[in-house]
Amino acid sequence: MRSSCLPGKALAKTGACRRIRELNIFYPILFFCWGSLINSFANYLISKKFQLRGIYCNLTSKKFNWHNLFVEIISAATLTYAFYTMPTLLFLTSLLFFSALLVTMRTDMEHMLISEAVTLSIIPAGIALSYFNYTWATWQMSLAGAVTGYFSLWIINKLFFIVTKKEGIGAGDMDLLAMIGSFTGLLGIWFSILVGSITASIFGI
């Protein structure tokens, strides 16, 4: 149904194709609402983390939260793009992967929290989906990506600790890179480290 408008101008003139184009506006709205669910889940993870520390945290506030809107806009943009450019099964993989990244983005922006619920817990899913060719890497590259993603940061952190006697990288960052590697392989790890380094350099100036 999604690709019936693509072959050429003849199909683009049909009533069926026009009806599909008219419905396109609902998908960004749908994925924007999905972003709201992501924010709700992120708030749940944050509140549970505080409760484990013995702190009661009320996250309901009348003050407008720009982080929520940012996550919802990114959700609408990325998932709408994925919906129209990827096969259905790969889109479902993207839905899981990008949702996990958005939850992590949301919790990390406000409370420096990267939850295992959206990192370590879905690494087996990434490897399994790769085995059935539903990700961007083979299962061998997926497994290598998960292991390399975790231990590359672990080794860097250990070397940093030996030199400075301080922890430089949190365990959550290691878990996150391992999760990214399980879906994207070694190339995804390299790209993530590159983007993270550039971003940290810009905001660190």
N, C-alpha and C. Protein backbone atom coordinates (compact mmCIF):
# COMPACT_ATOMS: atom_id res chain seq x y z
N MET A 1 0.82 -1.21 0.00
CA MET A 1 0.00 0.00 0.00
C MET A 1 0.86 1.26 0.00
N ARG A 2 1.94 1.25 0.83
CA ARG A 2 2.75 2.46 0.93
C ARG A 2 3.50 2.76 -0.36
N SER A 3 3.89 1.71 -1.12
CA SER A 3 4.73 1.94 -2.28
C SER A 3 3.95 2.04 -3.58
N SER A 4 2.60 1.97 -3.52
CA SER A 4 1.82 1.94 -4.76
C SER A 4 1.90 3.26 -5.51
N CYS A 5 2.31 4.34 -4.86
CA CYS A 5 2.41 5.65 -5.53
C CYS A 5 3.77 5.87 -6.17
N LEU A 6 4.72 4.95 -5.95
CA LEU A 6 6.09 5.24 -6.33
C LEU A 6 6.45 4.97 -7.79
N PRO A 7 5.87 3.94 -8.48
CA PRO A 7 6.39 3.59 -9.80
C PRO A 7 6.38 4.69 -10.83
N GLY A 8 5.36 5.54 -10.87
CA GLY A 8 5.37 6.55 -11.92
C GLY A 8 4.16 7.45 -11.87
N LYS A 9 4.05 8.34 -12.89
CA LYS A 9 3.00 9.33 -12.89
C LYS A 9 1.62 8.71 -13.08
N ALA A 10 1.56 7.57 -13.78
CA ALA A 10 0.26 6.96 -14.05
C ALA A 10 -0.43 6.58 -12.76
N LEU A 11 0.31 5.91 -11.86
CA LEU A 11 -0.28 5.53 -10.59
C LEU A 11 -0.56 6.74 -9.73
N ALA A 12 0.25 7.77 -9.86
CA ALA A 12 0.07 8.96 -9.04
C ALA A 12 -1.23 9.68 -9.36
N LYS A 13 -1.82 9.39 -10.52
CA LYS A 13 -3.05 10.06 -10.91
C LYS A 13 -4.29 9.29 -10.48
N THR A 14 -4.12 8.08 -9.96
CA THR A 14 -5.26 7.27 -9.59
C THR A 14 -5.88 7.76 -8.30
N GLY A 15 -7.19 7.49 -8.14
CA GLY A 15 -7.88 7.90 -6.92
C GLY A 15 -7.32 7.22 -5.70
N ALA A 16 -6.92 5.94 -5.84
CA ALA A 16 -6.39 5.21 -4.69
C ALA A 16 -5.13 5.87 -4.18
N CYS A 17 -4.27 6.29 -5.12
CA CYS A 17 -3.01 6.92 -4.72
C CYS A 17 -3.27 8.27 -4.06
N ARG A 18 -4.23 9.01 -4.55
CA ARG A 18 -4.56 10.30 -3.95
C ARG A 18 -5.06 10.12 -2.53
N ARG A 19 -5.84 9.04 -2.31
CA ARG A 19 -6.36 8.80 -0.96
C ARG A 19 -5.21 8.49 0.00
N ILE A 20 -4.21 7.73 -0.48
CA ILE A 20 -3.07 7.42 0.37
C ILE A 20 -2.31 8.68 0.73
N ARG A 21 -2.11 9.58 -0.26
CA ARG A 21 -1.39 10.82 0.01
C ARG A 21 -2.16 11.71 0.98
N GLU A 22 -3.48 11.67 0.89
CA GLU A 22 -4.28 12.48 1.80
C GLU A 22 -4.16 12.02 3.24
N LEU A 23 -3.87 10.73 3.43
CA LEU A 23 -3.75 10.18 4.78
C LEU A 23 -2.34 10.37 5.35
N ASN A 24 -1.41 10.82 4.53
CA ASN A 24 -0.02 10.93 4.99
C ASN A 24 0.13 11.81 6.22
N ILE A 25 -0.66 12.85 6.33
CA ILE A 25 -0.52 13.79 7.44
C ILE A 25 -0.76 13.13 8.79
N PHE A 26 -1.48 12.00 8.79
CA PHE A 26 -1.81 11.36 10.06
C PHE A 26 -0.61 10.59 10.64
N TYR A 27 0.33 10.21 9.79
CA TYR A 27 1.46 9.45 10.31
C TYR A 27 2.41 10.30 11.16
N PRO A 28 2.77 11.51 10.75
CA PRO A 28 3.55 12.36 11.67
C PRO A 28 2.83 12.61 12.99
N ILE A 29 1.50 12.79 12.92
CA ILE A 29 0.73 13.00 14.15
C ILE A 29 0.78 11.75 15.03
N LEU A 30 0.66 10.59 14.38
CA LEU A 30 0.71 9.32 15.11
C LEU A 30 2.04 9.15 15.82
N PHE A 31 3.14 9.42 15.10
CA PHE A 31 4.45 9.23 15.69
C PHE A 31 4.80 10.34 16.68
N PHE A 32 4.18 11.50 16.54
CA PHE A 32 4.30 12.54 17.55
C PHE A 32 3.68 12.06 18.86
N CYS A 33 2.52 11.44 18.75
CA CYS A 33 1.86 10.87 19.94
C CYS A 33 2.69 9.72 20.52
N TRP A 34 3.35 8.97 19.64
CA TRP A 34 4.24 7.92 20.12
C TRP A 34 5.37 8.53 20.96
N GLY A 35 5.83 9.71 20.55
CA GLY A 35 6.83 10.42 21.33
C GLY A 35 6.33 10.77 22.71
N SER A 36 5.03 11.07 22.83
CA SER A 36 4.45 11.36 24.14
C SER A 36 4.49 10.12 25.03
N LEU A 37 4.24 8.95 24.43
CA LEU A 37 4.34 7.70 25.19
C LEU A 37 5.78 7.44 25.62
N ILE A 38 6.73 7.77 24.76
CA ILE A 38 8.14 7.64 25.11
C ILE A 38 8.48 8.52 26.31
N ASN A 39 7.97 9.75 26.32
CA ASN A 39 8.20 10.65 27.45
C ASN A 39 7.60 10.08 28.73
N SER A 40 6.43 9.50 28.63
CA SER A 40 5.78 8.91 29.80
C SER A 40 6.60 7.74 30.35
N PHE A 41 7.11 6.91 29.46
CA PHE A 41 7.94 5.78 29.89
C PHE A 41 9.24 6.27 30.50
N ALA A 42 9.81 7.33 29.91
CA ALA A 42 11.04 7.91 30.46
C ALA A 42 10.80 8.44 31.87
N ASN A 43 9.68 9.12 32.07
CA ASN A 43 9.34 9.63 33.40
C ASN A 43 9.18 8.49 34.40
N TYR A 44 8.61 7.38 33.94
CA TYR A 44 8.45 6.21 34.81
C TYR A 44 9.82 5.68 35.25
N LEU A 45 10.75 5.57 34.29
CA LEU A 45 12.09 5.08 34.62
C LEU A 45 12.80 6.02 35.59
N ILE A 46 12.63 7.32 35.38
CA ILE A 46 13.25 8.30 36.27
C ILE A 46 12.69 8.19 37.69
N SER A 47 11.36 8.09 37.80
CA SER A 47 10.73 8.00 39.12
C SER A 47 11.15 6.72 39.84
N LYS A 48 11.26 5.60 39.09
CA LYS A 48 11.69 4.35 39.72
C LYS A 48 13.13 4.45 40.21
N LYS A 49 13.97 5.16 39.46
CA LYS A 49 15.36 5.32 39.87
C LYS A 49 15.44 6.11 41.18
N PHE A 50 14.64 7.17 41.28
CA PHE A 50 14.64 7.97 42.50
C PHE A 50 14.09 7.17 43.68
N GLN A 51 13.07 6.35 43.43
CA GLN A 51 12.50 5.54 44.50
C GLN A 51 13.51 4.54 45.04
N LEU A 52 14.33 3.99 44.16
CA LEU A 52 15.37 3.06 44.60
C LEU A 52 16.40 3.76 45.49
N ARG A 53 16.56 5.06 45.28
CA ARG A 53 17.48 5.85 46.11
C ARG A 53 16.80 6.39 47.36
N GLY A 54 15.52 6.05 47.55
CA GLY A 54 14.79 6.52 48.71
C GLY A 54 14.31 7.95 48.59
N ILE A 55 14.17 8.44 47.35
CA ILE A 55 13.74 9.82 47.11
C ILE A 55 12.41 9.79 46.38
N TYR A 56 11.44 10.53 46.92
CA TYR A 56 10.16 10.64 46.23
C TYR A 56 10.24 11.80 45.25
N CYS A 57 9.88 11.52 44.01
CA CYS A 57 9.99 12.54 42.97
C CYS A 57 8.66 12.66 42.24
N ASN A 58 8.05 13.83 42.29
CA ASN A 58 6.82 14.09 41.56
C ASN A 58 7.17 14.77 40.24
N LEU A 59 7.01 14.03 39.12
CA LEU A 59 7.41 14.54 37.82
C LEU A 59 6.30 15.28 37.11
N THR A 60 5.12 15.32 37.70
CA THR A 60 4.03 16.07 37.08
C THR A 60 4.19 17.53 37.43
N SER A 61 4.26 18.37 36.42
CA SER A 61 4.48 19.80 36.64
C SER A 61 3.72 20.59 35.60
N LYS A 62 3.23 21.75 36.00
CA LYS A 62 2.53 22.62 35.07
C LYS A 62 3.50 23.39 34.18
N LYS A 63 4.76 23.41 34.56
CA LYS A 63 5.75 24.12 33.77
C LYS A 63 6.01 23.39 32.47
N PHE A 64 6.07 24.14 31.37
CA PHE A 64 6.30 23.53 30.06
C PHE A 64 7.70 22.94 30.00
N ASN A 65 7.79 21.71 29.51
CA ASN A 65 9.06 20.99 29.43
C ASN A 65 9.49 20.91 27.98
N TRP A 66 10.55 21.63 27.63
CA TRP A 66 11.04 21.64 26.26
C TRP A 66 11.63 20.29 25.87
N HIS A 67 12.12 19.53 26.82
CA HIS A 67 12.66 18.21 26.52
C HIS A 67 11.57 17.29 25.96
N ASN A 68 10.37 17.40 26.53
CA ASN A 68 9.26 16.59 26.03
C ASN A 68 8.96 16.91 24.57
N LEU A 69 8.85 18.19 24.26
CA LEU A 69 8.55 18.60 22.90
C LEU A 69 9.65 18.19 21.94
N PHE A 70 10.89 18.30 22.37
CA PHE A 70 12.02 17.92 21.52
C PHE A 70 11.94 16.44 21.17
N VAL A 71 11.68 15.59 22.15
CA VAL A 71 11.57 14.15 21.91
C VAL A 71 10.40 13.85 20.99
N GLU A 72 9.29 14.52 21.18
CA GLU A 72 8.11 14.27 20.34
C GLU A 72 8.34 14.68 18.89
N ILE A 73 9.03 15.80 18.68
CA ILE A 73 9.33 16.24 17.31
C ILE A 73 10.31 15.27 16.64
N ILE A 74 11.35 14.87 17.37
CA ILE A 74 12.31 13.91 16.81
C ILE A 74 11.62 12.59 16.50
N SER A 75 10.74 12.16 17.38
CA SER A 75 9.99 10.93 17.15
C SER A 75 9.16 11.01 15.88
N ALA A 76 8.43 12.12 15.70
CA ALA A 76 7.60 12.30 14.51
C ALA A 76 8.45 12.31 13.25
N ALA A 77 9.59 12.99 13.28
CA ALA A 77 10.42 13.13 12.08
C ALA A 77 11.11 11.82 11.71
N THR A 78 11.77 11.18 12.68
CA THR A 78 12.55 9.98 12.37
C THR A 78 11.67 8.79 12.03
N LEU A 79 10.59 8.60 12.78
CA LEU A 79 9.74 7.44 12.55
C LEU A 79 8.90 7.60 11.29
N THR A 80 8.49 8.81 10.97
CA THR A 80 7.77 9.03 9.71
C THR A 80 8.69 8.74 8.53
N TYR A 81 9.92 9.22 8.62
CA TYR A 81 10.89 8.94 7.55
C TYR A 81 11.12 7.44 7.41
N ALA A 82 11.31 6.76 8.54
CA ALA A 82 11.54 5.32 8.50
C ALA A 82 10.33 4.58 7.93
N PHE A 83 9.13 5.04 8.26
CA PHE A 83 7.91 4.39 7.80
C PHE A 83 7.80 4.40 6.27
N TYR A 84 8.22 5.49 5.66
CA TYR A 84 8.07 5.64 4.21
C TYR A 84 9.28 5.18 3.42
N THR A 85 10.38 4.87 4.07
CA THR A 85 11.58 4.50 3.34
C THR A 85 12.05 3.07 3.61
N MET A 86 11.43 2.38 4.56
CA MET A 86 11.89 1.05 4.93
C MET A 86 10.79 0.01 4.74
N PRO A 87 11.17 -1.23 4.45
CA PRO A 87 10.18 -2.32 4.45
C PRO A 87 9.55 -2.45 5.82
N THR A 88 8.38 -3.06 5.86
CA THR A 88 7.60 -3.10 7.10
C THR A 88 8.37 -3.70 8.27
N LEU A 89 9.01 -4.86 8.06
CA LEU A 89 9.69 -5.52 9.17
C LEU A 89 10.91 -4.72 9.64
N LEU A 90 11.62 -4.10 8.71
CA LEU A 90 12.75 -3.26 9.11
C LEU A 90 12.25 -2.01 9.83
N PHE A 91 11.08 -1.51 9.44
CA PHE A 91 10.51 -0.37 10.15
C PHE A 91 10.19 -0.73 11.60
N LEU A 92 9.66 -1.92 11.82
CA LEU A 92 9.35 -2.34 13.19
C LEU A 92 10.62 -2.43 14.03
N THR A 93 11.71 -2.89 13.41
CA THR A 93 13.00 -2.89 14.09
C THR A 93 13.42 -1.46 14.42
N SER A 94 13.24 -0.56 13.45
CA SER A 94 13.58 0.85 13.65
C SER A 94 12.75 1.45 14.77
N LEU A 95 11.48 1.05 14.86
CA LEU A 95 10.60 1.56 15.91
C LEU A 95 11.14 1.20 17.28
N LEU A 96 11.59 -0.04 17.43
CA LEU A 96 12.18 -0.48 18.70
C LEU A 96 13.49 0.25 18.98
N PHE A 97 14.35 0.32 17.97
CA PHE A 97 15.68 0.91 18.14
C PHE A 97 15.61 2.40 18.44
N PHE A 98 14.87 3.14 17.62
CA PHE A 98 14.79 4.59 17.82
C PHE A 98 14.03 4.94 19.09
N SER A 99 13.04 4.14 19.46
CA SER A 99 12.31 4.39 20.70
C SER A 99 13.24 4.25 21.90
N ALA A 100 14.09 3.23 21.87
CA ALA A 100 15.06 3.03 22.95
C ALA A 100 16.03 4.22 23.02
N LEU A 101 16.48 4.69 21.86
CA LEU A 101 17.39 5.84 21.83
C LEU A 101 16.70 7.10 22.35
N LEU A 102 15.43 7.28 22.01
CA LEU A 102 14.71 8.48 22.44
C LEU A 102 14.45 8.46 23.95
N VAL A 103 14.13 7.29 24.49
CA VAL A 103 13.96 7.18 25.94
C VAL A 103 15.27 7.52 26.64
N THR A 104 16.37 6.99 26.11
CA THR A 104 17.68 7.28 26.68
C THR A 104 18.02 8.76 26.59
N MET A 105 17.72 9.37 25.44
CA MET A 105 17.96 10.80 25.25
C MET A 105 17.19 11.61 26.28
N ARG A 106 15.95 11.23 26.50
CA ARG A 106 15.08 11.97 27.42
C ARG A 106 15.57 11.86 28.86
N THR A 107 15.91 10.65 29.30
CA THR A 107 16.35 10.47 30.69
C THR A 107 17.75 11.03 30.92
N ASP A 108 18.59 10.96 29.89
CA ASP A 108 19.96 11.43 30.04
C ASP A 108 20.02 12.96 30.04
N MET A 109 19.16 13.62 29.28
CA MET A 109 19.17 15.08 29.22
C MET A 109 18.84 15.70 30.56
N GLU A 110 17.92 15.11 31.29
CA GLU A 110 17.45 15.72 32.53
C GLU A 110 18.14 15.19 33.77
N HIS A 111 18.43 13.87 33.80
CA HIS A 111 18.90 13.28 35.05
C HIS A 111 20.15 12.42 34.88
N MET A 112 20.81 12.51 33.72
CA MET A 112 22.02 11.72 33.49
C MET A 112 21.77 10.24 33.78
N LEU A 113 20.61 9.76 33.35
CA LEU A 113 20.22 8.38 33.60
C LEU A 113 20.12 7.62 32.28
N ILE A 114 20.83 6.50 32.19
CA ILE A 114 20.69 5.58 31.05
C ILE A 114 20.27 4.25 31.63
N SER A 115 19.02 3.88 31.42
CA SER A 115 18.44 2.71 32.07
C SER A 115 18.75 1.43 31.30
N GLU A 116 19.02 0.36 32.05
CA GLU A 116 19.24 -0.94 31.44
C GLU A 116 17.99 -1.47 30.76
N ALA A 117 16.82 -0.92 31.12
CA ALA A 117 15.57 -1.37 30.52
C ALA A 117 15.52 -1.09 29.02
N VAL A 118 16.27 -0.08 28.57
CA VAL A 118 16.27 0.26 27.14
C VAL A 118 17.66 0.10 26.51
N THR A 119 18.55 -0.59 27.21
CA THR A 119 19.88 -0.85 26.65
C THR A 119 20.18 -2.36 26.73
N LEU A 120 20.63 -2.83 27.87
CA LEU A 120 21.00 -4.24 28.00
C LEU A 120 19.85 -5.18 27.70
N SER A 121 18.65 -4.81 28.10
CA SER A 121 17.51 -5.72 27.97
C SER A 121 17.10 -5.99 26.52
N ILE A 122 17.46 -5.09 25.59
CA ILE A 122 17.04 -5.31 24.21
C ILE A 122 18.21 -5.73 23.30
N ILE A 123 19.40 -5.92 23.88
CA ILE A 123 20.52 -6.42 23.08
C ILE A 123 20.21 -7.80 22.49
N PRO A 124 19.64 -8.75 23.27
CA PRO A 124 19.29 -10.04 22.66
C PRO A 124 18.31 -9.90 21.48
N ALA A 125 17.40 -8.93 21.59
CA ALA A 125 16.46 -8.70 20.48
C ALA A 125 17.20 -8.21 19.25
N GLY A 126 18.18 -7.33 19.43
CA GLY A 126 18.97 -6.84 18.31
C GLY A 126 19.72 -7.95 17.61
N ILE A 127 20.34 -8.84 18.38
CA ILE A 127 21.09 -9.96 17.80
C ILE A 127 20.15 -10.93 17.10
N ALA A 128 19.00 -11.22 17.74
CA ALA A 128 18.03 -12.15 17.14
C ALA A 128 17.46 -11.59 15.83
N LEU A 129 17.13 -10.31 15.83
CA LEU A 129 16.60 -9.69 14.61
C LEU A 129 17.65 -9.67 13.51
N SER A 130 18.91 -9.50 13.88
CA SER A 130 19.98 -9.53 12.89
C SER A 130 20.11 -10.92 12.27
N TYR A 131 19.88 -11.94 13.06
CA TYR A 131 19.96 -13.31 12.55
C TYR A 131 18.94 -13.55 11.45
N PHE A 132 17.78 -12.91 11.57
CA PHE A 132 16.73 -13.05 10.55
C PHE A 132 16.76 -11.92 9.51
N ASN A 133 17.88 -11.17 9.49
CA ASN A 133 18.10 -10.10 8.50
C ASN A 133 17.08 -8.96 8.62
N TYR A 134 16.69 -8.64 9.86
CA TYR A 134 15.75 -7.55 10.08
C TYR A 134 16.41 -6.32 10.70
N THR A 135 17.75 -6.27 10.65
CA THR A 135 18.46 -5.07 11.10
C THR A 135 19.43 -4.65 10.00
N TRP A 136 20.36 -3.74 10.36
CA TRP A 136 21.30 -3.21 9.38
C TRP A 136 22.62 -3.95 9.39
N ALA A 137 22.68 -5.11 10.06
CA ALA A 137 23.94 -5.87 10.16
C ALA A 137 23.63 -7.36 10.18
N THR A 138 24.62 -8.16 9.81
CA THR A 138 24.49 -9.60 9.95
C THR A 138 24.55 -9.95 11.43
N TRP A 139 24.15 -11.18 11.78
CA TRP A 139 24.14 -11.53 13.20
C TRP A 139 25.56 -11.58 13.75
N GLN A 140 26.54 -11.95 12.89
CA GLN A 140 27.93 -11.95 13.36
C GLN A 140 28.40 -10.53 13.67
N MET A 141 28.06 -9.58 12.77
CA MET A 141 28.44 -8.20 13.02
C MET A 141 27.66 -7.61 14.19
N SER A 142 26.43 -8.07 14.38
CA SER A 142 25.62 -7.62 15.51
C SER A 142 26.25 -8.05 16.83
N LEU A 143 26.64 -9.32 16.88
CA LEU A 143 27.28 -9.83 18.10
C LEU A 143 28.61 -9.13 18.35
N ALA A 144 29.39 -8.96 17.28
CA ALA A 144 30.67 -8.25 17.42
C ALA A 144 30.45 -6.81 17.83
N GLY A 145 29.40 -6.19 17.30
CA GLY A 145 29.10 -4.80 17.66
C GLY A 145 28.74 -4.65 19.12
N ALA A 146 27.94 -5.58 19.64
CA ALA A 146 27.54 -5.51 21.05
C ALA A 146 28.75 -5.67 21.97
N VAL A 147 29.60 -6.65 21.66
CA VAL A 147 30.78 -6.90 22.51
C VAL A 147 31.78 -5.76 22.39
N THR A 148 32.06 -5.34 21.15
CA THR A 148 33.03 -4.26 20.94
C THR A 148 32.52 -2.95 21.52
N GLY A 149 31.22 -2.67 21.36
CA GLY A 149 30.66 -1.44 21.88
C GLY A 149 30.85 -1.31 23.39
N TYR A 150 30.62 -2.41 24.09
CA TYR A 150 30.75 -2.37 25.55
C TYR A 150 32.22 -2.27 25.98
N PHE A 151 33.04 -3.17 25.46
CA PHE A 151 34.41 -3.28 25.98
C PHE A 151 35.33 -2.18 25.46
N SER A 152 34.99 -1.55 24.35
CA SER A 152 35.81 -0.42 23.89
C SER A 152 35.75 0.72 24.91
N LEU A 153 34.55 1.02 25.41
CA LEU A 153 34.42 2.06 26.43
C LEU A 153 34.94 1.58 27.78
N TRP A 154 34.77 0.31 28.07
CA TRP A 154 35.26 -0.25 29.34
C TRP A 154 36.78 -0.12 29.44
N ILE A 155 37.47 -0.42 28.34
CA ILE A 155 38.93 -0.33 28.33
C ILE A 155 39.37 1.13 28.47
N ILE A 156 38.72 2.02 27.73
CA ILE A 156 39.06 3.44 27.83
C ILE A 156 38.84 3.95 29.25
N ASN A 157 37.75 3.52 29.87
CA ASN A 157 37.47 3.96 31.24
C ASN A 157 38.51 3.43 32.22
N LYS A 158 38.94 2.19 32.03
CA LYS A 158 39.96 1.62 32.92
C LYS A 158 41.29 2.36 32.78
N LEU A 159 41.67 2.66 31.54
CA LEU A 159 42.91 3.40 31.32
C LEU A 159 42.82 4.80 31.93
N PHE A 160 41.67 5.44 31.78
CA PHE A 160 41.47 6.76 32.36
C PHE A 160 41.56 6.71 33.88
N PHE A 161 41.01 5.64 34.47
CA PHE A 161 41.04 5.49 35.93
C PHE A 161 42.47 5.27 36.42
N ILE A 162 43.25 4.52 35.66
CA ILE A 162 44.64 4.27 36.06
C ILE A 162 45.44 5.57 36.10
N VAL A 163 45.16 6.44 35.14
CA VAL A 163 45.91 7.69 35.04
C VAL A 163 45.41 8.73 36.04
N THR A 164 44.09 8.85 36.18
CA THR A 164 43.52 9.95 36.97
C THR A 164 42.92 9.52 38.31
N LYS A 165 42.76 8.22 38.51
CA LYS A 165 42.08 7.69 39.71
C LYS A 165 40.62 8.15 39.79
N LYS A 166 40.02 8.45 38.64
CA LYS A 166 38.62 8.86 38.57
C LYS A 166 37.92 8.07 37.47
N GLU A 167 36.61 7.85 37.67
CA GLU A 167 35.80 7.21 36.64
C GLU A 167 35.45 8.23 35.56
N GLY A 168 35.76 7.92 34.32
CA GLY A 168 35.50 8.86 33.24
C GLY A 168 34.25 8.54 32.43
N ILE A 169 33.84 7.28 32.42
CA ILE A 169 32.69 6.85 31.61
C ILE A 169 31.78 6.00 32.48
N GLY A 170 30.49 6.32 32.47
CA GLY A 170 29.53 5.56 33.26
C GLY A 170 29.18 4.23 32.62
N ALA A 171 28.72 3.30 33.43
CA ALA A 171 28.32 1.98 32.92
C ALA A 171 27.16 2.09 31.93
N GLY A 172 26.32 3.10 32.12
CA GLY A 172 25.20 3.29 31.21
C GLY A 172 25.64 3.59 29.79
N ASP A 173 26.73 4.34 29.65
CA ASP A 173 27.27 4.63 28.32
C ASP A 173 27.77 3.36 27.64
N MET A 174 28.38 2.48 28.40
CA MET A 174 28.85 1.21 27.86
C MET A 174 27.66 0.36 27.40
N ASP A 175 26.63 0.31 28.23
CA ASP A 175 25.43 -0.45 27.88
C ASP A 175 24.79 0.11 26.61
N LEU A 176 24.73 1.43 26.52
CA LEU A 176 24.10 2.07 25.37
C LEU A 176 24.84 1.76 24.08
N LEU A 177 26.17 1.86 24.10
CA LEU A 177 26.94 1.59 22.89
C LEU A 177 26.85 0.12 22.50
N ALA A 178 26.75 -0.75 23.49
CA ALA A 178 26.57 -2.18 23.19
C ALA A 178 25.22 -2.41 22.52
N MET A 179 24.18 -1.73 22.99
CA MET A 179 22.87 -1.85 22.37
C MET A 179 22.88 -1.35 20.93
N ILE A 180 23.52 -0.20 20.71
CA ILE A 180 23.62 0.34 19.36
C ILE A 180 24.36 -0.64 18.45
N GLY A 181 25.44 -1.22 18.96
CA GLY A 181 26.20 -2.19 18.18
C GLY A 181 25.42 -3.43 17.83
N SER A 182 24.51 -3.85 18.73
CA SER A 182 23.73 -5.06 18.46
C SER A 182 22.75 -4.88 17.31
N PHE A 183 22.37 -3.62 17.04
CA PHE A 183 21.46 -3.34 15.93
C PHE A 183 22.18 -2.90 14.66
N THR A 184 23.32 -2.25 14.80
CA THR A 184 23.97 -1.63 13.63
C THR A 184 25.35 -2.19 13.31
N GLY A 185 25.91 -3.02 14.19
CA GLY A 185 27.22 -3.58 13.92
C GLY A 185 28.35 -2.60 14.24
N LEU A 186 29.54 -2.93 13.77
CA LEU A 186 30.72 -2.13 14.08
C LEU A 186 30.65 -0.73 13.47
N LEU A 187 30.05 -0.62 12.28
CA LEU A 187 29.95 0.68 11.63
C LEU A 187 29.12 1.65 12.47
N GLY A 188 28.04 1.14 13.07
CA GLY A 188 27.20 1.97 13.92
C GLY A 188 27.94 2.46 15.16
N ILE A 189 28.82 1.60 15.69
CA ILE A 189 29.62 2.00 16.86
C ILE A 189 30.56 3.14 16.48
N TRP A 190 31.25 2.97 15.36
CA TRP A 190 32.18 4.00 14.92
C TRP A 190 31.45 5.32 14.69
N PHE A 191 30.29 5.27 14.05
CA PHE A 191 29.54 6.49 13.78
C PHE A 191 29.06 7.14 15.08
N SER A 192 28.61 6.33 16.03
CA SER A 192 28.12 6.85 17.31
C SER A 192 29.23 7.54 18.09
N ILE A 193 30.42 6.92 18.11
CA ILE A 193 31.55 7.52 18.81
C ILE A 193 31.96 8.83 18.14
N LEU A 194 31.95 8.84 16.80
CA LEU A 194 32.31 10.04 16.06
C LEU A 194 31.35 11.18 16.37
N VAL A 195 30.04 10.90 16.28
CA VAL A 195 29.04 11.94 16.54
C VAL A 195 29.11 12.39 18.00
N GLY A 196 29.27 11.43 18.91
CA GLY A 196 29.36 11.79 20.33
C GLY A 196 30.58 12.65 20.63
N SER A 197 31.69 12.34 20.00
CA SER A 197 32.92 13.12 20.23
C SER A 197 32.78 14.54 19.70
N ILE A 198 32.20 14.66 18.50
CA ILE A 198 32.01 15.98 17.91
C ILE A 198 31.05 16.81 18.76
N THR A 199 29.95 16.18 19.18
CA THR A 199 28.96 16.89 19.99
C THR A 199 29.56 17.34 21.33
N ALA A 200 30.30 16.44 21.96
CA ALA A 200 30.93 16.78 23.25
C ALA A 200 31.95 17.90 23.08
N SER A 201 32.67 17.90 21.96
CA SER A 201 33.65 18.96 21.71
C SER A 201 32.98 20.30 21.53
N ILE A 202 31.84 20.30 20.80
CA ILE A 202 31.13 21.56 20.54
C ILE A 202 30.57 22.14 21.84
N PHE A 203 29.89 21.30 22.63
CA PHE A 203 29.26 21.81 23.85
C PHE A 203 30.27 21.97 24.99
N GLY A 204 31.46 21.40 24.81
CA GLY A 204 32.47 21.53 25.85
C GLY A 204 33.33 22.77 25.70
N ILE A 205 33.20 23.44 24.54
CA ILE A 205 34.00 24.64 24.30
C ILE A 205 33.48 25.80 25.14
